[in-house]
PDB file of N, CA and C in Angstrom:
ATOM      1  N   MET A   1       4.112  12.128 -11.460  1.00  0.00           N
ATOM      2  CA  MET A   1       5.434  11.828 -10.935  1.00  0.00           C
ATOM      3  C   MET A   1       6.268  13.103 -10.950  1.00  0.00           C
ATOM      4  N   ASN A   2       6.963  13.367  -9.876  1.00  0.00           N
ATOM      5  CA  ASN A   2       7.849  14.513  -9.784  1.00  0.00           C
ATOM      6  C   ASN A   2       9.252  14.006  -9.572  1.00  0.00           C
ATOM      7  N   THR A   3      10.055  14.087 -10.600  1.00  0.00           N
ATOM      8  CA  THR A   3      11.404  13.522 -10.564  1.00  0.00           C
ATOM      9  C   THR A   3      12.253  14.176  -9.482  1.00  0.00           C
ATOM     10  N   GLU A   4      12.161  15.501  -9.312  1.00  0.00           N
ATOM     11  CA  GLU A   4      12.962  16.192  -8.316  1.00  0.00           C
ATOM     12  C   GLU A   4      12.676  15.657  -6.920  1.00  0.00           C
ATOM     13  N   ILE A   5      11.422  15.480  -6.607  1.00  0.00           N
ATOM     14  CA  ILE A   5      11.027  15.010  -5.269  1.00  0.00           C
ATOM     15  C   ILE A   5      11.415  13.541  -5.101  1.00  0.00           C
ATOM     16  N   GLU A   6      11.154  12.725  -6.087  1.00  0.00           N
ATOM     17  CA  GLU A   6      11.467  11.298  -5.959  1.00  0.00           C
ATOM     18  C   GLU A   6      12.992  11.072  -5.925  1.00  0.00           C
ATOM     19  N   THR A   7      13.756  11.884  -6.621  1.00  0.00           N
ATOM     20  CA  THR A   7      15.211  11.785  -6.557  1.00  0.00           C
ATOM     21  C   THR A   7      15.699  12.178  -5.163  1.00  0.00           C
ATOM     22  N   ALA A   8      15.118  13.261  -4.619  1.00  0.00           N
ATOM     23  CA  ALA A   8      15.486  13.690  -3.254  1.00  0.00           C
ATOM     24  C   ALA A   8      15.109  12.614  -2.241  1.00  0.00           C
ATOM     25  N   LEU A   9      13.961  11.976  -2.436  1.00  0.00           N
ATOM     26  CA  LEU A   9      13.546  10.901  -1.526  1.00  0.00           C
ATOM     27  C   LEU A   9      14.518   9.707  -1.636  1.00  0.00           C
ATOM     28  N   ALA A  10      14.852   9.326  -2.835  1.00  0.00           N
ATOM     29  CA  ALA A  10      15.799   8.208  -3.019  1.00  0.00           C
ATOM     30  C   ALA A  10      17.138   8.534  -2.373  1.00  0.00           C
ATOM     31  N   ASP A  11      17.605   9.772  -2.515  1.00  0.00           N
ATOM     32  CA  ASP A  11      18.864  10.184  -1.884  1.00  0.00           C
ATOM     33  C   ASP A  11      18.754  10.114  -0.359  1.00  0.00           C
ATOM     34  N   ALA A  12      17.621  10.604   0.161  1.00  0.00           N
ATOM     35  CA  ALA A  12      17.423  10.594   1.610  1.00  0.00           C
ATOM     36  C   ALA A  12      17.375   9.168   2.135  1.00  0.00           C
ATOM     37  N   LEU A  13      16.749   8.290   1.384  1.00  0.00           N
ATOM     38  CA  LEU A  13      16.652   6.888   1.814  1.00  0.00           C
ATOM     39  C   LEU A  13      17.990   6.153   1.711  1.00  0.00           C
ATOM     40  N   GLY A  14      18.871   6.654   0.845  1.00  0.00           N
ATOM     41  CA  GLY A  14      20.156   5.985   0.613  1.00  0.00           C
ATOM     42  C   GLY A  14      20.944   5.714   1.879  1.00  0.00           C
ATOM     43  N   GLY A  15      20.931   6.652   2.813  1.00  0.00           N
ATOM     44  CA  GLY A  15      21.677   6.466   4.052  1.00  0.00           C
ATOM     45  C   GLY A  15      20.878   5.780   5.143  1.00  0.00           C
ATOM     46  N   ILE A  16      19.583   5.645   4.938  1.00  0.00           N
ATOM     47  CA  ILE A  16      18.713   5.077   5.971  1.00  0.00           C
ATOM     48  C   ILE A  16      18.250   3.680   5.619  1.00  0.00           C
ATOM     49  N   ALA A  17      17.835   3.513   4.388  1.00  0.00           N
ATOM     50  CA  ALA A  17      17.345   2.219   3.893  1.00  0.00           C
ATOM     51  C   ALA A  17      17.889   2.015   2.490  1.00  0.00           C
ATOM     52  N   PRO A  18      19.195   1.734   2.392  1.00  0.00           N
ATOM     53  CA  PRO A  18      19.838   1.645   1.079  1.00  0.00           C
ATOM     54  C   PRO A  18      19.246   0.580   0.157  1.00  0.00           C
ATOM     55  N   GLU A  19      18.554  -0.391   0.713  1.00  0.00           N
ATOM     56  CA  GLU A  19      17.935  -1.438  -0.098  1.00  0.00           C
ATOM     57  C   GLU A  19      16.594  -1.004  -0.676  1.00  0.00           C
ATOM     58  N   ALA A  20      16.093   0.157  -0.273  1.00  0.00           N
ATOM     59  CA  ALA A  20      14.789   0.644  -0.734  1.00  0.00           C
ATOM     60  C   ALA A  20      14.833   0.951  -2.228  1.00  0.00           C
ATOM     61  N   ASP A  21      13.840   0.454  -2.928  1.00  0.00           N
ATOM     62  CA  ASP A  21      13.725   0.681  -4.378  1.00  0.00           C
ATOM     63  C   ASP A  21      12.369   1.310  -4.620  1.00  0.00           C
ATOM     64  N   LEU A  22      12.357   2.608  -4.864  1.00  0.00           N
ATOM     65  CA  LEU A  22      11.081   3.322  -5.031  1.00  0.00           C
ATOM     66  C   LEU A  22      10.290   2.826  -6.227  1.00  0.00           C
ATOM     67  N   SER A  23      10.953   2.225  -7.200  1.00  0.00           N
ATOM     68  CA  SER A  23      10.225   1.732  -8.366  1.00  0.00           C
ATOM     69  C   SER A  23       9.327   0.551  -8.038  1.00  0.00           C
ATOM     70  N   THR A  24       9.567  -0.104  -6.913  1.00  0.00           N
ATOM     71  CA  THR A  24       8.745  -1.248  -6.517  1.00  0.00           C
ATOM     72  C   THR A  24       7.727  -0.904  -5.441  1.00  0.00           C
ATOM     73  N   VAL A  25       7.730   0.340  -4.983  1.00  0.00           N
ATOM     74  CA  VAL A  25       6.836   0.769  -3.899  1.00  0.00           C
ATOM     75  C   VAL A  25       5.443   1.049  -4.477  1.00  0.00           C
ATOM     76  N   ASP A  26       4.444   0.484  -3.839  1.00  0.00           N
ATOM     77  CA  ASP A  26       3.047   0.788  -4.162  1.00  0.00           C
ATOM     78  C   ASP A  26       2.825   2.248  -3.777  1.00  0.00           C
ATOM     79  N   ARG A  27       2.485   3.074  -4.732  1.00  0.00           N
ATOM     80  CA  ARG A  27       2.396   4.527  -4.533  1.00  0.00           C
ATOM     81  C   ARG A  27       1.315   4.919  -3.527  1.00  0.00           C
ATOM     82  N   SER A  28       0.352   4.024  -3.264  1.00  0.00           N
ATOM     83  CA  SER A  28      -0.706   4.346  -2.313  1.00  0.00           C
ATOM     84  C   SER A  28      -0.533   3.633  -0.970  1.00  0.00           C
ATOM     85  N   ALA A  29       0.519   2.854  -0.854  1.00  0.00           N
ATOM     86  CA  ALA A  29       0.784   2.128   0.403  1.00  0.00           C
ATOM     87  C   ALA A  29       1.516   3.052   1.390  1.00  0.00           C
ATOM     88  N   ILE A  30       1.402   2.720   2.650  1.00  0.00           N
ATOM     89  CA  ILE A  30       2.079   3.485   3.700  1.00  0.00           C
ATOM     90  C   ILE A  30       3.586   3.262   3.581  1.00  0.00           C
ATOM     91  N   LEU A  31       4.320   4.357   3.323  1.00  0.00           N
ATOM     92  CA  LEU A  31       5.771   4.250   3.115  1.00  0.00           C
ATOM     93  C   LEU A  31       6.496   3.611   4.295  1.00  0.00           C
ATOM     94  N   ARG A  32       6.080   3.984   5.487  1.00  0.00           N
ATOM     95  CA  ARG A  32       6.734   3.445   6.685  1.00  0.00           C
ATOM     96  C   ARG A  32       6.691   1.911   6.689  1.00  0.00           C
ATOM     97  N   GLU A  33       5.565   1.359   6.293  1.00  0.00           N
ATOM     98  CA  GLU A  33       5.411  -0.098   6.264  1.00  0.00           C
ATOM     99  C   GLU A  33       6.110  -0.691   5.027  1.00  0.00           C
ATOM    100  N   GLU A  34       5.925  -0.053   3.892  1.00  0.00           N
ATOM    101  CA  GLU A  34       6.516  -0.558   2.639  1.00  0.00           C
ATOM    102  C   GLU A  34       8.042  -0.642   2.730  1.00  0.00           C
ATOM    103  N   LEU A  35       8.646   0.365   3.368  1.00  0.00           N
ATOM    104  CA  LEU A  35      10.097   0.441   3.429  1.00  0.00           C
ATOM    105  C   LEU A  35      10.662   0.004   4.773  1.00  0.00           C
ATOM    106  N   ASP A  36       9.799  -0.476   5.664  1.00  0.00           N
ATOM    107  CA  ASP A  36      10.198  -0.954   6.983  1.00  0.00           C
ATOM    108  C   ASP A  36      11.012   0.105   7.745  1.00  0.00           C
ATOM    109  N   LEU A  37      10.427   1.305   7.850  1.00  0.00           N
ATOM    110  CA  LEU A  37      11.081   2.414   8.534  1.00  0.00           C
ATOM    111  C   LEU A  37      10.486   2.585   9.916  1.00  0.00           C
ATOM    112  N   ASP A  38      11.324   2.907  10.901  1.00  0.00           N
ATOM    113  CA  ASP A  38      10.781   3.238  12.209  1.00  0.00           C
ATOM    114  C   ASP A  38      10.562   4.761  12.256  1.00  0.00           C
ATOM    115  N   SER A  39      10.046   5.244  13.355  1.00  0.00           N
ATOM    116  CA  SER A  39       9.697   6.671  13.437  1.00  0.00           C
ATOM    117  C   SER A  39      10.925   7.577  13.309  1.00  0.00           C
ATOM    118  N   MET A  40      12.053   7.159  13.849  1.00  0.00           N
ATOM    119  CA  MET A  40      13.271   7.964  13.736  1.00  0.00           C
ATOM    120  C   MET A  40      13.761   7.994  12.284  1.00  0.00           C
ATOM    121  N   ASP A  41      13.659   6.863  11.593  1.00  0.00           N
ATOM    122  CA  ASP A  41      14.039   6.828  10.174  1.00  0.00           C
ATOM    123  C   ASP A  41      13.177   7.784   9.376  1.00  0.00           C
ATOM    124  N   LEU A  42      11.882   7.743   9.631  1.00  0.00           N
ATOM    125  CA  LEU A  42      10.950   8.588   8.907  1.00  0.00           C
ATOM    126  C   LEU A  42      11.235  10.074   9.175  1.00  0.00           C
ATOM    127  N   LEU A  43      11.527  10.417  10.408  1.00  0.00           N
ATOM    128  CA  LEU A  43      11.864  11.787  10.757  1.00  0.00           C
ATOM    129  C   LEU A  43      13.138  12.214  10.018  1.00  0.00           C
ATOM    130  N   ALA A  44      14.125  11.318   9.939  1.00  0.00           N
ATOM    131  CA  ALA A  44      15.363  11.626   9.216  1.00  0.00           C
ATOM    132  C   ALA A  44      15.097  11.845   7.737  1.00  0.00           C
ATOM    133  N   VAL A  45      14.187  11.062   7.159  1.00  0.00           N
ATOM    134  CA  VAL A  45      13.813  11.222   5.755  1.00  0.00           C
ATOM    135  C   VAL A  45      13.162  12.588   5.557  1.00  0.00           C
ATOM    136  N   TYR A  46      12.212  12.955   6.400  1.00  0.00           N
ATOM    137  CA  TYR A  46      11.529  14.240   6.260  1.00  0.00           C
ATOM    138  C   TYR A  46      12.517  15.404   6.429  1.00  0.00           C
ATOM    139  N   THR A  47      13.439  15.276   7.363  1.00  0.00           N
ATOM    140  CA  THR A  47      14.444  16.324   7.568  1.00  0.00           C
ATOM    141  C   THR A  47      15.334  16.461   6.338  1.00  0.00           C
ATOM    142  N   ALA A  48      15.780  15.326   5.803  1.00  0.00           N
ATOM    143  CA  ALA A  48      16.618  15.363   4.602  1.00  0.00           C
ATOM    144  C   ALA A  48      15.867  15.955   3.417  1.00  0.00           C
ATOM    145  N   LEU A  49      14.602  15.606   3.247  1.00  0.00           N
ATOM    146  CA  LEU A  49      13.793  16.173   2.160  1.00  0.00           C
ATOM    147  C   LEU A  49      13.650  17.674   2.321  1.00  0.00           C
ATOM    148  N   SER A  50      13.416  18.118   3.529  1.00  0.00           N
ATOM    149  CA  SER A  50      13.269  19.545   3.793  1.00  0.00           C
ATOM    150  C   SER A  50      14.538  20.280   3.384  1.00  0.00           C
ATOM    151  N   GLU A  51      15.702  19.727   3.756  1.00  0.00           N
ATOM    152  CA  GLU A  51      16.983  20.350   3.429  1.00  0.00           C
ATOM    153  C   GLU A  51      17.260  20.289   1.932  1.00  0.00           C
ATOM    154  N   LYS A  52      17.054  19.159   1.307  1.00  0.00           N
ATOM    155  CA  LYS A  52      17.353  18.982  -0.108  1.00  0.00           C
ATOM    156  C   LYS A  52      16.466  19.825  -1.002  1.00  0.00           C
ATOM    157  N   LEU A  53      15.203  19.938  -0.623  1.00  0.00           N
ATOM    158  CA  LEU A  53      14.233  20.660  -1.468  1.00  0.00           C
ATOM    159  C   LEU A  53      14.058  22.117  -1.061  1.00  0.00           C
ATOM    160  N   GLY A  54      14.548  22.472   0.107  1.00  0.00           N
ATOM    161  CA  GLY A  54      14.418  23.863   0.554  1.00  0.00           C
ATOM    162  C   GLY A  54      13.005  24.255   0.931  1.00  0.00           C
ATOM    163  N   VAL A  55      12.264  23.309   1.470  1.00  0.00           N
ATOM    164  CA  VAL A  55      10.905  23.584   1.916  1.00  0.00           C
ATOM    165  C   VAL A  55      10.781  23.191   3.398  1.00  0.00           C
ATOM    166  N   GLU A  56       9.864  23.859   4.069  1.00  0.00           N
ATOM    167  CA  GLU A  56       9.607  23.518   5.464  1.00  0.00           C
ATOM    168  C   GLU A  56       8.560  22.420   5.512  1.00  0.00           C
ATOM    169  N   ILE A  57       8.815  21.410   6.339  1.00  0.00           N
ATOM    170  CA  ILE A  57       7.874  20.323   6.497  1.00  0.00           C
ATOM    171  C   ILE A  57       7.504  20.242   7.985  1.00  0.00           C
ATOM    172  N   PRO A  58       6.430  20.930   8.365  1.00  0.00           N
ATOM    173  CA  PRO A  58       6.020  20.882   9.767  1.00  0.00           C
ATOM    174  C   PRO A  58       5.409  19.524  10.111  1.00  0.00           C
ATOM    175  N   GLU A  59       5.410  19.209  11.377  1.00  0.00           N
ATOM    176  CA  GLU A  59       4.865  17.929  11.835  1.00  0.00           C
ATOM    177  C   GLU A  59       3.408  17.748  11.420  1.00  0.00           C
ATOM    178  N   SER A  60       2.686  18.837  11.277  1.00  0.00           N
ATOM    179  CA  SER A  60       1.282  18.751  10.887  1.00  0.00           C
ATOM    180  C   SER A  60       1.105  18.209   9.465  1.00  0.00           C
ATOM    181  N   ASP A  61       2.173  18.246   8.663  1.00  0.00           N
ATOM    182  CA  ASP A  61       2.125  17.701   7.295  1.00  0.00           C
ATOM    183  C   ASP A  61       2.431  16.205   7.239  1.00  0.00           C
ATOM    184  N   TYR A  62       2.956  15.636   8.289  1.00  0.00           N
ATOM    185  CA  TYR A  62       3.386  14.242   8.252  1.00  0.00           C
ATOM    186  C   TYR A  62       2.300  13.264   7.785  1.00  0.00           C
ATOM    187  N   PRO A  63       1.042  13.404   8.244  1.00  0.00           N
ATOM    188  CA  PRO A  63       0.028  12.459   7.752  1.00  0.00           C
ATOM    189  C   PRO A  63      -0.134  12.496   6.227  1.00  0.00           C
ATOM    190  N   ALA A  64       0.012  13.665   5.633  1.00  0.00           N
ATOM    191  CA  ALA A  64      -0.128  13.788   4.179  1.00  0.00           C
ATOM    192  C   ALA A  64       1.050  13.154   3.438  1.00  0.00           C
ATOM    193  N   LEU A  65       2.149  12.926   4.133  1.00  0.00           N
ATOM    194  CA  LEU A  65       3.355  12.354   3.531  1.00  0.00           C
ATOM    195  C   LEU A  65       3.439  10.846   3.700  1.00  0.00           C
ATOM    196  N   ALA A  66       2.385  10.228   4.180  1.00  0.00           N
ATOM    197  CA  ALA A  66       2.421   8.810   4.539  1.00  0.00           C
ATOM    198  C   ALA A  66       2.612   7.879   3.342  1.00  0.00           C
ATOM    199  N   THR A  67       2.097   8.284   2.179  1.00  0.00           N
ATOM    200  CA  THR A  67       2.247   7.449   0.975  1.00  0.00           C
ATOM    201  C   THR A  67       3.149   8.168  -0.015  1.00  0.00           C
ATOM    202  N   LEU A  68       3.656   7.438  -0.983  1.00  0.00           N
ATOM    203  CA  LEU A  68       4.512   8.053  -1.999  1.00  0.00           C
ATOM    204  C   LEU A  68       3.724   9.095  -2.794  1.00  0.00           C
ATOM    205  N   ASP A  69       2.491   8.772  -3.180  1.00  0.00           N
ATOM    206  CA  ASP A  69       1.667   9.756  -3.897  1.00  0.00           C
ATOM    207  C   ASP A  69       1.390  10.984  -3.035  1.00  0.00           C
ATOM    208  N   GLY A  70       1.087  10.783  -1.779  1.00  0.00           N
ATOM    209  CA  GLY A  70       0.826  11.913  -0.874  1.00  0.00           C
ATOM    210  C   GLY A  70       2.049  12.767  -0.664  1.00  0.00           C
ATOM    211  N   LEU A  71       3.185  12.125  -0.503  1.00  0.00           N
ATOM    212  CA  LEU A  71       4.436  12.840  -0.317  1.00  0.00           C
ATOM    213  C   LEU A  71       4.756  13.707  -1.540  1.00  0.00           C
ATOM    214  N   VAL A  72       4.648  13.107  -2.715  1.00  0.00           N
ATOM    215  CA  VAL A  72       4.947  13.842  -3.940  1.00  0.00           C
ATOM    216  C   VAL A  72       3.974  15.005  -4.136  1.00  0.00           C
ATOM    217  N   THR A  73       2.703  14.754  -3.934  1.00  0.00           N
ATOM    218  CA  THR A  73       1.682  15.804  -4.113  1.00  0.00           C
ATOM    219  C   THR A  73       1.908  16.954  -3.129  1.00  0.00           C
ATOM    220  N   THR A  74       2.112  16.634  -1.868  1.00  0.00           N
ATOM    221  CA  THR A  74       2.280  17.649  -0.837  1.00  0.00           C
ATOM    222  C   THR A  74       3.552  18.471  -1.075  1.00  0.00           C
ATOM    223  N   LEU A  75       4.643  17.787  -1.357  1.00  0.00           N
ATOM    224  CA  LEU A  75       5.901  18.513  -1.560  1.00  0.00           C
ATOM    225  C   LEU A  75       5.912  19.292  -2.868  1.00  0.00           C
ATOM    226  N   ALA A  76       5.251  18.787  -3.895  1.00  0.00           N
ATOM    227  CA  ALA A  76       5.153  19.528  -5.153  1.00  0.00           C
ATOM    228  C   ALA A  76       4.399  20.830  -4.933  1.00  0.00           C
ATOM    229  N   ARG A  77       3.349  20.787  -4.123  1.00  0.00           N
ATOM    230  CA  ARG A  77       2.592  21.992  -3.805  1.00  0.00           C
ATOM    231  C   ARG A  77       3.464  22.994  -3.067  1.00  0.00           C
ATOM    232  N   LYS A  78       4.279  22.502  -2.134  1.00  0.00           N
ATOM    233  CA  LYS A  78       5.165  23.382  -1.385  1.00  0.00           C
ATOM    234  C   LYS A  78       6.232  24.006  -2.306  1.00  0.00           C
ATOM    235  N   LEU A  79       6.776  23.197  -3.197  1.00  0.00           N
ATOM    236  CA  LEU A  79       7.783  23.707  -4.141  1.00  0.00           C
ATOM    237  C   LEU A  79       7.173  24.781  -5.047  1.00  0.00           C
ATOM    238  N   ALA A  80       5.968  24.570  -5.500  1.00  0.00           N
ATOM    239  CA  ALA A  80       5.318  25.531  -6.384  1.00  0.00           C
ATOM    240  C   ALA A  80       5.009  26.845  -5.659  1.00  0.00           C
ATOM    241  N   ALA A  81       4.806  26.782  -4.360  1.00  0.00           N
ATOM    242  CA  ALA A  81       4.440  27.953  -3.585  1.00  0.00           C
ATOM    243  C   ALA A  81       5.644  28.795  -3.141  1.00  0.00           C
ATOM    244  N   ARG A  82       6.830  28.259  -3.307  1.00  0.00           N
ATOM    245  CA  ARG A  82       7.984  29.038  -2.801  1.00  0.00           C
ATOM    246  C   ARG A  82       8.482  30.040  -3.781  1.00  0.00           C
TER     247      ARG A  82
END
């Protein structure tokens, strides 16, 4: 678990899906389905994460960000590399 990334995700979701509770999300489930997000919502989340964490998230990374575990792992790697 990476608190910085999950806090940034919760903040990003606050304006898009305020009812989302990450503590109840299956870490291996598809976030889009778990949180009932459409493609524009998901893009807004990725953009907010990029800004909050100061990392670039190219479209080619989106498949790796599909689950909570994948998102945390991928972004933690990016944070460590900066």
